[in-house]
Amino acid sequence: MKITIIGTGNMGRGIATRALAGGHSVTLLGTETAKARALAGELSGDVRAAQAGDPLSGDVVVLAVWYGALDDVLGRYGDELDGKIVVDITNPIDVDTFEPLKLQAGSAAQDIAAKAPGARVVKAFNTTFAGTLGAGEVAGQPLDVLIAADDEDAKAIVSQLVSDAGLRPVDAGPLKRARELEALGYLHMAIQQPLGTNFTSTLKLLA
C-alpha cells in the first residue's frame, strides 16, 4: 500500500515508522523539504520525501498536522482529495488554553468531510501518542487504534494498515463517533501531567 503522510512532526514520524514496519511505502510531505528529507533518511524501508503541495499519490493520505493547519491543507489540495482515503488524526484544541474546541460540524473529521466531500474520511490515530507509535506497544501490549468512518471499505483498508503495523484496529462505528474519539483523545492528553506518564501511556480495551 502506498501511504502519503502530510506532516513531518512527531506524529508523522510515528505513523510512518509503523506503516514502514508493515511493509508499506511512505511519501512524506513537509512544508520544509529539507526536514522531510532528513526524516526520510532516519527511517528504514520504502520511504521518500517531497514538498507539501506536490501531487498526491497512493491509496491513503494521512493528515498528520495540528487541527489549526487543516484548512490550509484542504485549501491546498481541494479536489485532489476526491476518492482518496483521508485519515484525520487531529484533536481540536485551543493551543493557548489547552481546552477542547466546540465545532459546529461535531468533530474535526466531520468538518473535513464537509469541506472535502469527495474524500473518504477516516478518523484514526488521534488517541495514540507519537512516542508510543515508534515501538508500537506499551508494557508489552500492542496499541489499540480506534477507527471511525462512514465508508466501510475505507475503514477496512485503514484497519488493514493498522494490523500490518502490529497494532490492533478497533471499529468505533460511523464517522459521527469521531466526536467521542476526539474527546477521548483530549482526555488522554489532559491526564498526562497528573499521571506523570509524559505521553508514554496508551488507551487499551480489555475484556
Protein backbone atom coordinates (compact mmCIF):
# COMPACT_ATOMS: atom_id res chain seq x y z
CA MET A 1 0.00 0.00 0.00
CA LYS A 2 1.22 3.50 -0.81
CA ILE A 3 0.79 5.96 2.05
CA THR A 4 1.22 9.72 1.79
CA ILE A 5 1.75 11.47 5.12
CA ILE A 6 1.26 15.23 5.18
CA GLY A 7 3.32 16.49 8.10
CA THR A 8 6.82 15.70 9.30
CA GLY A 9 6.38 16.21 13.05
CA ASN A 10 6.35 13.59 15.78
CA MET A 11 3.05 12.01 14.72
CA GLY A 12 4.16 11.92 11.10
CA ARG A 13 7.31 10.13 12.21
CA GLY A 14 5.40 7.67 14.39
CA ILE A 15 2.81 6.74 11.77
CA ALA A 16 5.49 6.48 9.07
CA THR A 17 7.51 4.16 11.29
CA ARG A 18 4.57 1.83 11.78
CA ALA A 19 3.50 1.92 8.11
CA LEU A 20 7.03 1.05 7.02
CA ALA A 21 7.21 -1.72 9.61
CA GLY A 22 4.08 -3.13 7.99
CA GLY A 23 5.81 -3.31 4.62
CA HIS A 24 4.09 -0.31 3.03
CA SER A 25 5.67 2.55 1.08
CA VAL A 26 5.56 6.07 2.51
CA THR A 27 5.86 9.52 0.99
CA LEU A 28 6.45 12.33 3.48
CA LEU A 29 5.19 15.78 2.50
CA GLY A 30 6.54 18.68 4.53
CA THR A 31 6.42 22.45 4.31
CA GLU A 32 10.21 22.28 4.58
CA THR A 33 11.61 19.82 2.04
CA ALA A 34 14.90 19.58 3.92
CA LYS A 35 13.10 18.46 7.08
CA ALA A 36 11.10 15.87 5.15
CA ARG A 37 14.29 14.53 3.57
CA ALA A 38 16.04 14.42 6.93
CA LEU A 39 13.19 12.44 8.45
CA ALA A 40 13.06 10.06 5.48
CA GLY A 41 16.78 9.48 5.92
CA GLU A 42 16.24 8.39 9.52
CA LEU A 43 13.61 5.79 8.63
CA SER A 44 14.05 2.31 7.21
CA GLY A 45 12.08 0.99 4.28
CA ASP A 46 10.47 2.31 1.11
CA VAL A 47 10.27 5.98 2.07
CA ARG A 48 10.68 9.20 0.11
CA ALA A 49 10.29 12.91 0.77
CA ALA A 50 8.52 15.67 -1.13
CA GLN A 51 7.26 19.22 -0.73
CA ALA A 52 3.80 20.00 0.64
CA GLY A 53 1.72 20.94 -2.36
CA ASP A 54 3.27 18.31 -4.61
CA PRO A 55 0.72 15.98 -6.26
CA LEU A 56 -0.73 13.29 -4.03
CA SER A 57 -0.09 9.66 -4.88
CA GLY A 58 -1.06 6.36 -3.41
CA ASP A 59 -4.00 4.83 -1.63
CA VAL A 60 -4.12 6.62 1.71
CA VAL A 61 -3.43 10.23 2.74
CA VAL A 62 -2.72 10.81 6.44
CA LEU A 63 -3.21 14.35 7.75
CA ALA A 64 -0.51 14.34 10.43
CA VAL A 65 -0.88 18.03 11.23
CA TRP A 66 -2.33 20.16 14.00
CA TYR A 67 -6.04 20.87 13.78
CA GLY A 68 -5.32 24.52 13.02
CA ALA A 69 -3.48 23.56 9.83
CA LEU A 70 -6.34 21.54 8.32
CA ASP A 71 -7.92 24.41 6.39
CA ASP A 72 -4.58 25.18 4.76
CA VAL A 73 -4.12 21.56 3.72
CA LEU A 74 -7.68 21.24 2.41
CA GLY A 75 -7.36 24.51 0.53
CA ARG A 76 -4.04 23.44 -0.97
CA TYR A 77 -5.28 20.09 -2.27
CA GLY A 78 -9.00 20.66 -2.86
CA ASP A 79 -10.44 18.28 -5.46
CA GLU A 80 -7.22 16.27 -5.48
CA LEU A 81 -8.54 14.57 -2.33
CA ASP A 82 -11.56 13.22 -4.23
CA GLY A 83 -11.63 9.44 -3.97
CA LYS A 84 -8.68 9.36 -1.59
CA ILE A 85 -8.84 7.71 1.82
CA VAL A 86 -8.06 10.66 4.09
CA VAL A 87 -7.07 9.78 7.64
CA ASP A 88 -7.68 12.54 10.18
CA ILE A 89 -5.56 12.17 13.33
CA THR A 90 -6.29 15.57 14.86
CA ASN A 91 -7.72 16.58 18.21
CA PRO A 92 -9.25 20.07 18.02
CA ILE A 93 -7.89 22.04 20.96
CA ASP A 94 -7.10 25.67 21.65
CA VAL A 95 -3.29 25.64 21.76
CA ASP A 96 -3.23 28.66 24.08
CA THR A 97 -5.66 27.40 26.73
CA PHE A 98 -5.31 23.65 26.08
CA GLU A 99 -9.10 23.37 26.10
CA PRO A 100 -11.16 21.46 23.54
CA LEU A 101 -12.83 23.42 20.78
CA LYS A 102 -16.55 23.12 20.09
CA LEU A 103 -17.03 22.56 16.38
CA GLN A 104 -20.26 23.19 14.54
CA ALA A 105 -19.70 20.06 12.43
CA GLY A 106 -19.40 17.98 15.59
CA SER A 107 -15.80 16.89 15.08
CA ALA A 108 -12.70 17.71 13.06
CA ALA A 109 -13.28 14.62 10.93
CA GLN A 110 -16.83 15.65 10.10
CA ASP A 111 -15.59 19.15 9.31
CA ILE A 112 -13.09 17.66 6.84
CA ALA A 113 -15.82 15.53 5.27
CA ALA A 114 -17.98 18.63 4.78
CA LYS A 115 -15.15 20.68 3.27
CA ALA A 116 -13.80 17.84 1.10
CA PRO A 117 -16.98 15.93 0.20
CA GLY A 118 -15.19 13.76 -2.37
CA ALA A 119 -12.75 12.39 0.21
CA ARG A 120 -13.27 9.10 2.04
CA VAL A 121 -12.62 10.40 5.55
CA VAL A 122 -11.49 8.08 8.33
CA LYS A 123 -10.78 9.07 11.94
CA ALA A 124 -7.83 7.16 13.41
CA PHE A 125 -4.65 7.50 15.49
CA ASN A 126 -5.92 10.51 17.48
CA THR A 127 -5.91 8.54 20.75
CA THR A 128 -2.32 7.30 20.31
CA PHE A 129 0.82 9.25 21.15
CA ALA A 130 3.75 9.73 18.80
CA GLY A 131 6.35 8.23 21.13
CA THR A 132 4.41 5.01 21.62
CA LEU A 133 3.89 4.57 17.87
CA GLY A 134 7.62 4.16 17.39
CA ALA A 135 7.62 0.91 19.34
CA GLY A 136 4.01 0.07 18.59
CA GLU A 137 3.38 -1.11 22.14
CA VAL A 138 3.28 -0.08 25.77
CA ALA A 139 4.17 -2.51 28.57
CA GLY A 140 4.19 -5.37 26.11
CA GLN A 141 0.69 -4.61 24.82
CA PRO A 142 0.08 -3.55 21.19
CA LEU A 143 -1.54 -0.17 20.78
CA ASP A 144 -5.27 -0.02 20.13
CA VAL A 145 -6.21 2.29 17.24
CA LEU A 146 -9.84 3.37 17.36
CA ILE A 147 -11.27 3.92 13.88
CA ALA A 148 -14.46 5.68 12.78
CA ALA A 149 -15.74 6.11 9.22
CA ASP A 150 -18.89 6.02 7.13
CA ASP A 151 -17.12 4.35 4.20
CA GLU A 152 -16.76 0.70 5.24
CA ASP A 153 -14.22 -0.11 2.53
CA ALA A 154 -12.05 2.82 3.59
CA LYS A 155 -12.34 1.72 7.21
CA ALA A 156 -11.29 -1.82 6.26
CA ILE A 157 -8.22 -0.55 4.39
CA VAL A 158 -7.11 1.62 7.31
CA SER A 159 -7.76 -1.31 9.67
CA GLN A 160 -5.51 -3.48 7.49
CA LEU A 161 -2.81 -0.81 7.60
CA VAL A 162 -3.09 -0.77 11.41
CA SER A 163 -2.93 -4.57 11.64
CA ASP A 164 0.07 -4.75 9.30
CA ALA A 165 1.82 -2.26 11.61
CA GLY A 166 1.46 -4.67 14.54
CA LEU A 167 -1.31 -2.64 16.17
CA ARG A 168 -4.92 -3.60 16.95
CA PRO A 169 -7.68 -1.83 15.00
CA VAL A 170 -10.90 -1.21 16.91
CA ASP A 171 -14.04 -0.35 14.94
CA ALA A 172 -15.60 2.64 16.71
CA GLY A 173 -18.52 2.96 14.30
CA PRO A 174 -19.56 5.68 11.84
CA LEU A 175 -17.79 8.99 11.33
CA LYS A 176 -20.10 10.74 13.78
CA ARG A 177 -18.33 8.79 16.54
CA ALA A 178 -15.25 10.92 15.78
CA ARG A 179 -16.68 13.44 18.24
CA GLU A 180 -16.30 10.94 21.07
CA LEU A 181 -12.89 9.81 19.83
CA GLU A 182 -11.66 13.41 19.85
CA ALA A 183 -12.99 13.88 23.38
CA LEU A 184 -11.17 10.70 24.40
CA GLY A 185 -8.00 11.88 22.70
CA TYR A 186 -8.17 15.17 24.58
CA LEU A 187 -8.77 13.39 27.89
CA HIS A 188 -5.77 11.14 27.26
CA MET A 189 -3.63 14.24 26.79
CA ALA A 190 -5.12 16.08 29.76
CA ILE A 191 -4.31 13.31 32.26
CA GLN A 192 -0.64 13.06 31.32
CA GLN A 193 0.52 15.62 33.89
CA PRO A 194 -1.38 14.21 36.88
CA LEU A 195 -0.33 10.68 35.94
CA GLY A 196 3.25 11.72 35.30
CA THR A 197 3.41 9.49 32.24
CA ASN A 198 4.86 12.11 29.89
CA PHE A 199 2.89 10.92 26.85
CA THR A 200 4.13 7.34 27.09
CA SER A 201 0.78 5.78 28.02
CA THR A 202 -1.81 4.17 25.79
CA LEU A 203 -5.55 3.56 25.94
CA LYS A 204 -6.26 -0.18 25.95
CA LEU A 205 -9.57 -2.04 25.75
CA LEU A 206 -9.57 -5.28 27.70
CA ALA A 207 -12.28 -7.91 28.01
